[in-house]
Amino acid sequence: MIDATERRGAGIEPRAIKQEGDAGLSITWGDDRVCHYTAPGLRRGCPCAQCVNEWTGQRVLKPESVAKELTILEISIVGRYALNFRWSDGHETGIYSFRYLRDLCEEKN
């Protein structure tokens, strides 16, 4: 695994962001690393205040409450640093920074 301090610049800048079907996402990073994500996996990792306690950092969202059939209805770019998703369960408040998305990918490997 690459240390987060080693992953700056191109490593956390997406070169291509592609929705794969209704429930997948791939990001090709500036350092040529390609990461694949599933809608349920991303939703379970939502970093918003409804899903993570702002004071303790403890995850409030129960992973089992996210349906395996969850889909991505819309993806929006937030500034030059993040993505926002509108999910089929109605949730849409999470802002997924590119650094967070890259970290999620590295944790899977």
PDB file of N, CA and C in Angstrom:
ATOM      1  N   MET A   1       0.846  -1.181   0.000  1.00  0.00           N
ATOM      2  CA  MET A   1       0.000   0.000   0.000  1.00  0.00           C
ATOM      3  C   MET A   1       0.889   1.241   0.000  1.00  0.00           C
ATOM      4  N   ILE A   2       0.481   2.245  -0.738  1.00  0.00           N
ATOM      5  CA  ILE A   2       1.224   3.488  -0.830  1.00  0.00           C
ATOM      6  C   ILE A   2       0.856   4.373   0.354  1.00  0.00           C
ATOM      7  N   ASP A   3       1.843   4.917   1.029  1.00  0.00           N
ATOM      8  CA  ASP A   3       1.614   5.841   2.126  1.00  0.00           C
ATOM      9  C   ASP A   3       0.919   7.088   1.583  1.00  0.00           C
ATOM     10  N   ALA A   4      -0.028   7.617   2.333  1.00  0.00           N
ATOM     11  CA  ALA A   4      -0.801   8.780   1.873  1.00  0.00           C
ATOM     12  C   ALA A   4       0.098   9.978   1.576  1.00  0.00           C
ATOM     13  N   THR A   5       1.193  10.106   2.300  1.00  0.00           N
ATOM     14  CA  THR A   5       2.077  11.244   2.050  1.00  0.00           C
ATOM     15  C   THR A   5       2.796  11.117   0.722  1.00  0.00           C
ATOM     16  N   GLU A   6       2.901   9.884   0.202  1.00  0.00           N
ATOM     17  CA  GLU A   6       3.530   9.670  -1.095  1.00  0.00           C
ATOM     18  C   GLU A   6       2.567   9.933  -2.244  1.00  0.00           C
ATOM     19  N   ARG A   7       1.270  10.002  -1.945  1.00  0.00           N
ATOM     20  CA  ARG A   7       0.252  10.128  -2.972  1.00  0.00           C
ATOM     21  C   ARG A   7      -0.235  11.567  -3.032  1.00  0.00           C
ATOM     22  N   ARG A   8       0.500  12.377  -3.712  1.00  0.00           N
ATOM     23  CA  ARG A   8       0.131  13.781  -3.892  1.00  0.00           C
ATOM     24  C   ARG A   8       0.075  14.067  -5.377  1.00  0.00           C
ATOM     25  N   GLY A   9      -0.442  15.201  -5.714  1.00  0.00           N
ATOM     26  CA  GLY A   9      -0.452  15.590  -7.119  1.00  0.00           C
ATOM     27  C   GLY A   9      -1.212  14.612  -7.977  1.00  0.00           C
ATOM     28  N   ALA A  10      -0.528  14.074  -8.986  1.00  0.00           N
ATOM     29  CA  ALA A  10      -1.170  13.207  -9.985  1.00  0.00           C
ATOM     30  C   ALA A  10      -1.851  11.996  -9.364  1.00  0.00           C
ATOM     31  N   GLY A  11      -1.329  11.502  -8.257  1.00  0.00           N
ATOM     32  CA  GLY A  11      -1.900  10.315  -7.625  1.00  0.00           C
ATOM     33  C   GLY A  11      -3.309  10.496  -7.130  1.00  0.00           C
ATOM     34  N   ILE A  12      -3.685  11.730  -6.821  1.00  0.00           N
ATOM     35  CA  ILE A  12      -5.061  11.956  -6.356  1.00  0.00           C
ATOM     36  C   ILE A  12      -5.841  12.870  -7.293  1.00  0.00           C
ATOM     37  N   GLU A  13      -5.338  13.017  -8.494  1.00  0.00           N
ATOM     38  CA  GLU A  13      -6.064  13.783  -9.500  1.00  0.00           C
ATOM     39  C   GLU A  13      -6.595  12.821 -10.560  1.00  0.00           C
ATOM     40  N   PRO A  14      -7.911  12.752 -10.706  1.00  0.00           N
ATOM     41  CA  PRO A  14      -8.467  11.836 -11.702  1.00  0.00           C
ATOM     42  C   PRO A  14      -8.216  12.316 -13.124  1.00  0.00           C
ATOM     43  N   ARG A  15      -7.865  11.377 -13.976  1.00  0.00           N
ATOM     44  CA  ARG A  15      -7.715  11.668 -15.398  1.00  0.00           C
ATOM     45  C   ARG A  15      -9.005  11.333 -16.139  1.00  0.00           C
ATOM     46  N   ALA A  16      -9.719  10.315 -15.644  1.00  0.00           N
ATOM     47  CA  ALA A  16     -10.997   9.915 -16.248  1.00  0.00           C
ATOM     48  C   ALA A  16     -11.908   9.355 -15.167  1.00  0.00           C
ATOM     49  N   ILE A  17     -13.170   9.762 -15.203  1.00  0.00           N
ATOM     50  CA  ILE A  17     -14.193   9.267 -14.289  1.00  0.00           C
ATOM     51  C   ILE A  17     -15.307   8.723 -15.158  1.00  0.00           C
ATOM     52  N   LYS A  18     -15.612   7.433 -14.999  1.00  0.00           N
ATOM     53  CA  LYS A  18     -16.631   6.813 -15.853  1.00  0.00           C
ATOM     54  C   LYS A  18     -17.618   6.016 -15.013  1.00  0.00           C
ATOM     55  N   GLN A  19     -18.912   6.274 -15.262  1.00  0.00           N
ATOM     56  CA  GLN A  19     -19.926   5.435 -14.641  1.00  0.00           C
ATOM     57  C   GLN A  19     -19.998   4.145 -15.430  1.00  0.00           C
ATOM     58  N   GLU A  20     -20.015   3.036 -14.724  1.00  0.00           N
ATOM     59  CA  GLU A  20     -20.082   1.720 -15.357  1.00  0.00           C
ATOM     60  C   GLU A  20     -21.438   1.109 -15.053  1.00  0.00           C
ATOM     61  N   GLY A  21     -22.340   1.171 -16.015  1.00  0.00           N
ATOM     62  CA  GLY A  21     -23.695   0.687 -15.787  1.00  0.00           C
ATOM     63  C   GLY A  21     -24.396   1.568 -14.770  1.00  0.00           C
ATOM     64  N   ASP A  22     -25.368   0.984 -14.064  1.00  0.00           N
ATOM     65  CA  ASP A  22     -26.124   1.739 -13.063  1.00  0.00           C
ATOM     66  C   ASP A  22     -25.472   1.713 -11.687  1.00  0.00           C
ATOM     67  N   ALA A  23     -24.550   0.790 -11.478  1.00  0.00           N
ATOM     68  CA  ALA A  23     -24.064   0.576 -10.113  1.00  0.00           C
ATOM     69  C   ALA A  23     -22.550   0.513  -9.992  1.00  0.00           C
ATOM     70  N   GLY A  24     -21.827   1.068 -10.952  1.00  0.00           N
ATOM     71  CA  GLY A  24     -20.370   1.023 -10.877  1.00  0.00           C
ATOM     72  C   GLY A  24     -19.740   2.333 -11.287  1.00  0.00           C
ATOM     73  N   LEU A  25     -18.495   2.485 -10.885  1.00  0.00           N
ATOM     74  CA  LEU A  25     -17.727   3.679 -11.199  1.00  0.00           C
ATOM     75  C   LEU A  25     -16.276   3.272 -11.350  1.00  0.00           C
ATOM     76  N   SER A  26     -15.601   3.839 -12.334  1.00  0.00           N
ATOM     77  CA  SER A  26     -14.158   3.629 -12.438  1.00  0.00           C
ATOM     78  C   SER A  26     -13.491   4.997 -12.529  1.00  0.00           C
ATOM     79  N   ILE A  27     -12.349   5.089 -11.884  1.00  0.00           N
ATOM     80  CA  ILE A  27     -11.552   6.309 -11.931  1.00  0.00           C
ATOM     81  C   ILE A  27     -10.146   5.919 -12.352  1.00  0.00           C
ATOM     82  N   THR A  28      -9.668   6.563 -13.406  1.00  0.00           N
ATOM     83  CA  THR A  28      -8.272   6.434 -13.810  1.00  0.00           C
ATOM     84  C   THR A  28      -7.569   7.656 -13.246  1.00  0.00           C
ATOM     85  N   TRP A  29      -6.596   7.406 -12.394  1.00  0.00           N
ATOM     86  CA  TRP A  29      -5.878   8.483 -11.730  1.00  0.00           C
ATOM     87  C   TRP A  29      -4.705   8.952 -12.582  1.00  0.00           C
ATOM     88  N   GLY A  30      -4.194  10.112 -12.252  1.00  0.00           N
ATOM     89  CA  GLY A  30      -3.095  10.709 -12.991  1.00  0.00           C
ATOM     90  C   GLY A  30      -1.830   9.879 -13.008  1.00  0.00           C
ATOM     91  N   ASP A  31      -1.687   8.966 -12.033  1.00  0.00           N
ATOM     92  CA  ASP A  31      -0.511   8.086 -12.000  1.00  0.00           C
ATOM     93  C   ASP A  31      -0.795   6.748 -12.684  1.00  0.00           C
ATOM     94  N   ASP A  32      -1.896   6.689 -13.467  1.00  0.00           N
ATOM     95  CA  ASP A  32      -2.322   5.523 -14.255  1.00  0.00           C
ATOM     96  C   ASP A  32      -2.962   4.403 -13.442  1.00  0.00           C
ATOM     97  N   ARG A  33      -3.154   4.570 -12.172  1.00  0.00           N
ATOM     98  CA  ARG A  33      -3.855   3.574 -11.361  1.00  0.00           C
ATOM     99  C   ARG A  33      -5.325   3.653 -11.729  1.00  0.00           C
ATOM    100  N   VAL A  34      -5.962   2.508 -11.950  1.00  0.00           N
ATOM    101  CA  VAL A  34      -7.391   2.454 -12.252  1.00  0.00           C
ATOM    102  C   VAL A  34      -8.090   1.808 -11.060  1.00  0.00           C
ATOM    103  N   CYS A  35      -9.096   2.471 -10.536  1.00  0.00           N
ATOM    104  CA  CYS A  35      -9.846   1.963  -9.394  1.00  0.00           C
ATOM    105  C   CYS A  35     -11.296   1.753  -9.797  1.00  0.00           C
ATOM    106  N   HIS A  36     -11.864   0.662  -9.332  1.00  0.00           N
ATOM    107  CA  HIS A  36     -13.257   0.329  -9.608  1.00  0.00           C
ATOM    108  C   HIS A  36     -14.031   0.333  -8.293  1.00  0.00           C
ATOM    109  N   TYR A  37     -15.220   0.908  -8.336  1.00  0.00           N
ATOM    110  CA  TYR A  37     -16.053   1.040  -7.145  1.00  0.00           C
ATOM    111  C   TYR A  37     -17.455   0.530  -7.470  1.00  0.00           C
ATOM    112  N   THR A  38     -18.137   0.013  -6.451  1.00  0.00           N
ATOM    113  CA  THR A  38     -19.541  -0.375  -6.609  1.00  0.00           C
ATOM    114  C   THR A  38     -20.401   0.657  -5.894  1.00  0.00           C
ATOM    115  N   ALA A  39     -21.617   0.840  -6.366  1.00  0.00           N
ATOM    116  CA  ALA A  39     -22.527   1.790  -5.729  1.00  0.00           C
ATOM    117  C   ALA A  39     -22.756   1.444  -4.258  1.00  0.00           C
ATOM    118  N   PRO A  40     -23.085   0.174  -3.922  1.00  0.00           N
ATOM    119  CA  PRO A  40     -23.282  -0.128  -2.503  1.00  0.00           C
ATOM    120  C   PRO A  40     -22.025   0.114  -1.660  1.00  0.00           C
ATOM    121  N   GLY A  41     -20.870  -0.203  -2.199  1.00  0.00           N
ATOM    122  CA  GLY A  41     -19.626   0.015  -1.462  1.00  0.00           C
ATOM    123  C   GLY A  41     -19.373   1.486  -1.198  1.00  0.00           C
ATOM    124  N   LEU A  42     -19.595   2.327  -2.197  1.00  0.00           N
ATOM    125  CA  LEU A  42     -19.431   3.765  -2.013  1.00  0.00           C
ATOM    126  C   LEU A  42     -20.461   4.314  -1.035  1.00  0.00           C
ATOM    127  N   ARG A  43     -21.699   3.873  -1.171  1.00  0.00           N
ATOM    128  CA  ARG A  43     -22.766   4.368  -0.282  1.00  0.00           C
ATOM    129  C   ARG A  43     -22.478   3.985   1.157  1.00  0.00           C
ATOM    130  N   ARG A  44     -21.979   2.770   1.387  1.00  0.00           N
ATOM    131  CA  ARG A  44     -21.641   2.333   2.754  1.00  0.00           C
ATOM    132  C   ARG A  44     -20.501   3.163   3.337  1.00  0.00           C
ATOM    133  N   GLY A  45     -19.672   3.737   2.474  1.00  0.00           N
ATOM    134  CA  GLY A  45     -18.560   4.560   2.925  1.00  0.00           C
ATOM    135  C   GLY A  45     -18.866   6.046   2.914  1.00  0.00           C
ATOM    136  N   CYS A  46     -20.128   6.414   2.784  1.00  0.00           N
ATOM    137  CA  CYS A  46     -20.494   7.829   2.691  1.00  0.00           C
ATOM    138  C   CYS A  46     -19.919   8.609   3.873  1.00  0.00           C
ATOM    139  N   PRO A  47     -19.202   9.713   3.573  1.00  0.00           N
ATOM    140  CA  PRO A  47     -18.572  10.490   4.638  1.00  0.00           C
ATOM    141  C   PRO A  47     -19.420  11.627   5.219  1.00  0.00           C
ATOM    142  N   CYS A  48     -20.691  11.727   4.857  1.00  0.00           N
ATOM    143  CA  CYS A  48     -21.495  12.867   5.299  1.00  0.00           C
ATOM    144  C   CYS A  48     -21.871  12.768   6.779  1.00  0.00           C
ATOM    145  N   ALA A  49     -22.380  13.866   7.329  1.00  0.00           N
ATOM    146  CA  ALA A  49     -22.730  13.940   8.745  1.00  0.00           C
ATOM    147  C   ALA A  49     -23.921  13.051   9.114  1.00  0.00           C
ATOM    148  N   GLN A  50     -24.752  12.673   8.150  1.00  0.00           N
ATOM    149  CA  GLN A  50     -25.848  11.747   8.440  1.00  0.00           C
ATOM    150  C   GLN A  50     -25.334  10.317   8.604  1.00  0.00           C
ATOM    151  N   CYS A  51     -24.189  10.028   7.984  1.00  0.00           N
ATOM    152  CA  CYS A  51     -23.653   8.668   7.972  1.00  0.00           C
ATOM    153  C   CYS A  51     -22.486   8.470   8.938  1.00  0.00           C
ATOM    154  N   VAL A  52     -21.839   9.573   9.317  1.00  0.00           N
ATOM    155  CA  VAL A  52     -20.705   9.526  10.243  1.00  0.00           C
ATOM    156  C   VAL A  52     -20.901  10.613  11.287  1.00  0.00           C
ATOM    157  N   ASN A  53     -20.801  10.247  12.566  1.00  0.00           N
ATOM    158  CA  ASN A  53     -20.931  11.226  13.642  1.00  0.00           C
ATOM    159  C   ASN A  53     -19.822  12.262  13.516  1.00  0.00           C
ATOM    160  N   GLU A  54     -20.205  13.523  13.397  1.00  0.00           N
ATOM    161  CA  GLU A  54     -19.222  14.598  13.185  1.00  0.00           C
ATOM    162  C   GLU A  54     -18.255  14.763  14.347  1.00  0.00           C
ATOM    163  N   TRP A  55     -18.682  14.445  15.542  1.00  0.00           N
ATOM    164  CA  TRP A  55     -17.852  14.667  16.728  1.00  0.00           C
ATOM    165  C   TRP A  55     -16.944  13.491  17.025  1.00  0.00           C
ATOM    166  N   THR A  56     -17.451  12.275  16.841  1.00  0.00           N
ATOM    167  CA  THR A  56     -16.661  11.090  17.212  1.00  0.00           C
ATOM    168  C   THR A  56     -16.007  10.409  16.019  1.00  0.00           C
ATOM    169  N   GLY A  57     -16.530  10.681  14.814  1.00  0.00           N
ATOM    170  CA  GLY A  57     -16.022   9.995  13.629  1.00  0.00           C
ATOM    171  C   GLY A  57     -16.580   8.578  13.483  1.00  0.00           C
ATOM    172  N   GLN A  58     -17.443   8.178  14.405  1.00  0.00           N
ATOM    173  CA  GLN A  58     -18.031   6.835  14.368  1.00  0.00           C
ATOM    174  C   GLN A  58     -19.076   6.752  13.260  1.00  0.00           C
ATOM    175  N   ARG A  59     -19.015   5.659  12.510  1.00  0.00           N
ATOM    176  CA  ARG A  59     -19.974   5.442  11.430  1.00  0.00           C
ATOM    177  C   ARG A  59     -21.345   5.169  12.029  1.00  0.00           C
ATOM    178  N   VAL A  60     -22.355   5.936  11.583  1.00  0.00           N
ATOM    179  CA  VAL A  60     -23.731   5.796  12.045  1.00  0.00           C
ATOM    180  C   VAL A  60     -24.516   4.900  11.081  1.00  0.00           C
ATOM    181  N   LEU A  61     -24.229   5.028   9.804  1.00  0.00           N
ATOM    182  CA  LEU A  61     -24.904   4.213   8.791  1.00  0.00           C
ATOM    183  C   LEU A  61     -24.557   2.744   8.988  1.00  0.00           C
ATOM    184  N   LYS A  62     -25.558   1.922   9.088  1.00  0.00           N
ATOM    185  CA  LYS A  62     -25.356   0.476   9.222  1.00  0.00           C
ATOM    186  C   LYS A  62     -25.153  -0.114   7.833  1.00  0.00           C
ATOM    187  N   PRO A  63     -24.018  -0.775   7.589  1.00  0.00           N
ATOM    188  CA  PRO A  63     -23.738  -1.324   6.255  1.00  0.00           C
ATOM    189  C   PRO A  63     -24.852  -2.217   5.714  1.00  0.00           C
ATOM    190  N   GLU A  64     -25.489  -2.976   6.601  1.00  0.00           N
ATOM    191  CA  GLU A  64     -26.543  -3.896   6.156  1.00  0.00           C
ATOM    192  C   GLU A  64     -27.806  -3.163   5.707  1.00  0.00           C
ATOM    193  N   SER A  65     -27.909  -1.869   6.005  1.00  0.00           N
ATOM    194  CA  SER A  65     -29.090  -1.105   5.586  1.00  0.00           C
ATOM    195  C   SER A  65     -28.991  -0.645   4.129  1.00  0.00           C
ATOM    196  N   VAL A  66     -27.832  -0.812   3.509  1.00  0.00           N
ATOM    197  CA  VAL A  66     -27.645  -0.407   2.110  1.00  0.00           C
ATOM    198  C   VAL A  66     -27.939  -1.611   1.217  1.00  0.00           C
ATOM    199  N   ALA A  67     -28.925  -1.463   0.355  1.00  0.00           N
ATOM    200  CA  ALA A  67     -29.344  -2.566  -0.522  1.00  0.00           C
ATOM    201  C   ALA A  67     -28.251  -2.925  -1.527  1.00  0.00           C
ATOM    202  N   LYS A  68     -28.114  -4.200  -1.797  1.00  0.00           N
ATOM    203  CA  LYS A  68     -27.154  -4.674  -2.799  1.00  0.00           C
ATOM    204  C   LYS A  68     -27.517  -4.158  -4.191  1.00  0.00           C
ATOM    205  N   GLU A  69     -28.801  -3.836  -4.393  1.00  0.00           N
ATOM    206  CA  GLU A  69     -29.298  -3.381  -5.685  1.00  0.00           C
ATOM    207  C   GLU A  69     -29.196  -1.872  -5.859  1.00  0.00           C
ATOM    208  N   LEU A  70     -28.595  -1.172  -4.908  1.00  0.00           N
ATOM    209  CA  LEU A  70     -28.481   0.281  -4.972  1.00  0.00           C
ATOM    210  C   LEU A  70     -27.823   0.714  -6.277  1.00  0.00           C
ATOM    211  N   THR A  71     -28.315   1.813  -6.843  1.00  0.00           N
ATOM    212  CA  THR A  71     -27.730   2.326  -8.084  1.00  0.00           C
ATOM    213  C   THR A  71     -27.360   3.803  -7.932  1.00  0.00           C
ATOM    214  N   ILE A  72     -26.534   4.248  -8.867  1.00  0.00           N
ATOM    215  CA  ILE A  72     -26.136   5.651  -8.942  1.00  0.00           C
ATOM    216  C   ILE A  72     -27.074   6.334  -9.933  1.00  0.00           C
ATOM    217  N   LEU A  73     -27.820   7.335  -9.467  1.00  0.00           N
ATOM    218  CA  LEU A  73     -28.722   8.055 -10.357  1.00  0.00           C
ATOM    219  C   LEU A  73     -28.022   9.224 -11.026  1.00  0.00           C
ATOM    220  N   GLU A  74     -27.074   9.837 -10.313  1.00  0.00           N
ATOM    221  CA  GLU A  74     -26.383  11.004 -10.855  1.00  0.00           C
ATOM    222  C   GLU A  74     -25.041  11.181 -10.155  1.00  0.00           C
ATOM    223  N   ILE A  75     -24.051  11.625 -10.902  1.00  0.00           N
ATOM    224  CA  ILE A  75     -22.731  11.958 -10.358  1.00  0.00           C
ATOM    225  C   ILE A  75     -22.442  13.406 -10.718  1.00  0.00           C
ATOM    226  N   SER A  76     -22.025  14.187  -9.723  1.00  0.00           N
ATOM    227  CA  SER A  76     -21.665  15.587  -9.952  1.00  0.00           C
ATOM    228  C   SER A  76     -20.241  15.827  -9.454  1.00  0.00           C
ATOM    229  N   ILE A  77     -19.532  16.681 -10.158  1.00  0.00           N
ATOM    230  CA  ILE A  77     -18.203  17.081  -9.704  1.00  0.00           C
ATOM    231  C   ILE A  77     -18.375  18.278  -8.778  1.00  0.00           C
ATOM    232  N   VAL A  78     -17.697  18.227  -7.632  1.00  0.00           N
ATOM    233  CA  VAL A  78     -17.736  19.310  -6.649  1.00  0.00           C
ATOM    234  C   VAL A  78     -16.400  20.049  -6.747  1.00  0.00           C
ATOM    235  N   GLY A  79     -16.445  21.255  -7.275  1.00  0.00           N
ATOM    236  CA  GLY A  79     -15.214  22.015  -7.454  1.00  0.00           C
ATOM    237  C   GLY A  79     -14.198  21.225  -8.262  1.00  0.00           C
ATOM    238  N   ARG A  80     -12.960  21.244  -7.799  1.00  0.00           N
ATOM    239  CA  ARG A  80     -11.892  20.473  -8.446  1.00  0.00           C
ATOM    240  C   ARG A  80     -11.355  19.406  -7.502  1.00  0.00           C
ATOM    241  N   TYR A  81     -12.192  19.031  -6.499  1.00  0.00           N
ATOM    242  CA  TYR A  81     -11.645  18.162  -5.464  1.00  0.00           C
ATOM    243  C   TYR A  81     -12.509  16.972  -5.068  1.00  0.00           C
ATOM    244  N   ALA A  82     -13.725  16.853  -5.583  1.00  0.00           N
ATOM    245  CA  ALA A  82     -14.611  15.813  -5.058  1.00  0.00           C
ATOM    246  C   ALA A  82     -15.734  15.447  -6.026  1.00  0.00           C
ATOM    247  N   LEU A  83     -16.428  14.361  -5.660  1.00  0.00           N
ATOM    248  CA  LEU A  83     -17.634  13.929  -6.359  1.00  0.00           C
ATOM    249  C   LEU A  83     -18.786  13.878  -5.377  1.00  0.00           C
ATOM    250  N   ASN A  84     -19.980  14.083  -5.894  1.00  0.00           N
ATOM    251  CA  ASN A  84     -21.202  13.919  -5.126  1.00  0.00           C
ATOM    252  C   ASN A  84     -22.090  12.961  -5.912  1.00  0.00           C
ATOM    253  N   PHE A  85     -22.752  12.057  -5.202  1.00  0.00           N
ATOM    254  CA  PHE A  85     -23.611  11.056  -5.829  1.00  0.00           C
ATOM    255  C   PHE A  85     -25.051  11.252  -5.382  1.00  0.00           C
ATOM    256  N   ARG A  86     -25.967  11.002  -6.284  1.00  0.00           N
ATOM    257  CA  ARG A  86     -27.380  10.873  -5.926  1.00  0.00           C
ATOM    258  C   ARG A  86     -27.703   9.404  -6.097  1.00  0.00           C
ATOM    259  N   TRP A  87     -28.060   8.765  -4.979  1.00  0.00           N
ATOM    260  CA  TRP A  87     -28.279   7.319  -4.951  1.00  0.00           C
ATOM    261  C   TRP A  87     -29.760   6.981  -5.119  1.00  0.00           C
ATOM    262  N   SER A  88     -30.038   5.759  -5.519  1.00  0.00           N
ATOM    263  CA  SER A  88     -31.423   5.316  -5.715  1.00  0.00           C
ATOM    264  C   SER A  88     -32.203   5.225  -4.400  1.00  0.00           C
ATOM    265  N   ASP A  89     -31.517   5.282  -3.255  1.00  0.00           N
ATOM    266  CA  ASP A  89     -32.230   5.272  -1.966  1.00  0.00           C
ATOM    267  C   ASP A  89     -32.594   6.686  -1.498  1.00  0.00           C
ATOM    268  N   GLY A  90     -32.311   7.692  -2.358  1.00  0.00           N
ATOM    269  CA  GLY A  90     -32.674   9.073  -2.045  1.00  0.00           C
ATOM    270  C   GLY A  90     -31.569   9.871  -1.376  1.00  0.00           C
ATOM    271  N   HIS A  91     -30.515   9.224  -0.944  1.00  0.00           N
ATOM    272  CA  HIS A  91     -29.415   9.930  -0.260  1.00  0.00           C
ATOM    273  C   HIS A  91     -28.581  10.688  -1.287  1.00  0.00           C
ATOM    274  N   GLU A  92     -28.126  11.905  -0.900  1.00  0.00           N
ATOM    275  CA  GLU A  92     -27.329  12.684  -1.848  1.00  0.00           C
ATOM    276  C   GLU A  92     -26.468  13.748  -1.175  1.00  0.00           C
ATOM    277  N   THR A  93     -26.176  13.601   0.111  1.00  0.00           N
ATOM    278  CA  THR A  93     -25.445  14.663   0.807  1.00  0.00           C
ATOM    279  C   THR A  93     -23.951  14.410   0.958  1.00  0.00           C
ATOM    280  N   GLY A  94     -23.461  13.247   0.614  1.00  0.00           N
ATOM    281  CA  GLY A  94     -22.043  12.950   0.792  1.00  0.00           C
ATOM    282  C   GLY A  94     -21.160  13.607  -0.255  1.00  0.00           C
ATOM    283  N   ILE A  95     -20.075  14.201   0.190  1.00  0.00           N
ATOM    284  CA  ILE A  95     -19.063  14.743  -0.713  1.00  0.00           C
ATOM    285  C   ILE A  95     -17.831  13.864  -0.573  1.00  0.00           C
ATOM    286  N   TYR A  96     -17.485  13.176  -1.653  1.00  0.00           N
ATOM    287  CA  TYR A  96     -16.385  12.210  -1.666  1.00  0.00           C
ATOM    288  C   TYR A  96     -15.166  12.881  -2.295  1.00  0.00           C
ATOM    289  N   SER A  97     -14.233  13.332  -1.465  1.00  0.00           N
ATOM    290  CA  SER A  97     -13.043  13.984  -2.009  1.00  0.00           C
ATOM    291  C   SER A  97     -12.251  12.969  -2.832  1.00  0.00           C
ATOM    292  N   PHE A  98     -11.485  13.482  -3.784  1.00  0.00           N
ATOM    293  CA  PHE A  98     -10.672  12.578  -4.596  1.00  0.00           C
ATOM    294  C   PHE A  98      -9.681  11.816  -3.713  1.00  0.00           C
ATOM    295  N   ARG A  99      -9.131  12.471  -2.696  1.00  0.00           N
ATOM    296  CA  ARG A  99      -8.218  11.779  -1.776  1.00  0.00           C
ATOM    297  C   ARG A  99      -8.946  10.625  -1.071  1.00  0.00           C
ATOM    298  N   TYR A 100     -10.183  10.877  -0.611  1.00  0.00           N
ATOM    299  CA  TYR A 100     -10.964   9.837   0.062  1.00  0.00           C
ATOM    300  C   TYR A 100     -11.246   8.669  -0.890  1.00  0.00           C
ATOM    301  N   LEU A 101     -11.626   8.978  -2.127  1.00  0.00           N
ATOM    302  CA  LEU A 101     -11.887   7.920  -3.104  1.00  0.00           C
ATOM    303  C   LEU A 101     -10.620   7.107  -3.375  1.00  0.00           C
ATOM    304  N   ARG A 102      -9.492   7.780  -3.491  1.00  0.00           N
ATOM    305  CA  ARG A 102      -8.235   7.049  -3.717  1.00  0.00           C
ATOM    306  C   ARG A 102      -7.902   6.181  -2.511  1.00  0.00           C
ATOM    307  N   ASP A 103      -8.107   6.708  -1.308  1.00  0.00           N
ATOM    308  CA  ASP A 103      -7.859   5.919  -0.100  1.00  0.00           C
ATOM    309  C   ASP A 103      -8.759   4.702  -0.031  1.00  0.00           C
ATOM    310  N   LEU A 104     -10.039   4.855  -0.408  1.00  0.00           N
ATOM    311  CA  LEU A 104     -10.950   3.703  -0.427  1.00  0.00           C
ATOM    312  C   LEU A 104     -10.418   2.625  -1.373  1.00  0.00           C
ATOM    313  N   CYS A 105      -9.906   3.036  -2.502  1.00  0.00           N
ATOM    314  CA  CYS A 105      -9.373   2.089  -3.476  1.00  0.00           C
ATOM    315  C   CYS A 105      -8.147   1.365  -2.904  1.00  0.00           C
ATOM    316  N   GLU A 106      -7.266   2.099  -2.282  1.00  0.00           N
ATOM    317  CA  GLU A 106      -6.051   1.497  -1.732  1.00  0.00           C
ATOM    318  C   GLU A 106      -6.372   0.542  -0.593  1.00  0.00           C
ATOM    319  N   GLU A 107      -7.411   0.843   0.197  1.00  0.00           N
ATOM    320  CA  GLU A 107      -7.814  -0.023   1.305  1.00  0.00           C
ATOM    321  C   GLU A 107      -8.315  -1.371   0.807  1.00  0.00           C
ATOM    322  N   LYS A 108      -8.915  -1.382  -0.385  1.00  0.00           N
ATOM    323  CA  LYS A 108      -9.440  -2.635  -0.943  1.00  0.00           C
ATOM    324  C   LYS A 108      -8.324  -3.592  -1.345  1.00  0.00           C
ATOM    325  N   ASN A 109      -7.134  -3.074  -1.612  1.00  0.00           N
ATOM    326  CA  ASN A 109      -6.024  -3.895  -2.099  1.00  0.00           C
ATOM    327  C   ASN A 109      -5.007  -4.199  -1.045  1.00  0.00           C
TER     328      ASN A 109
END
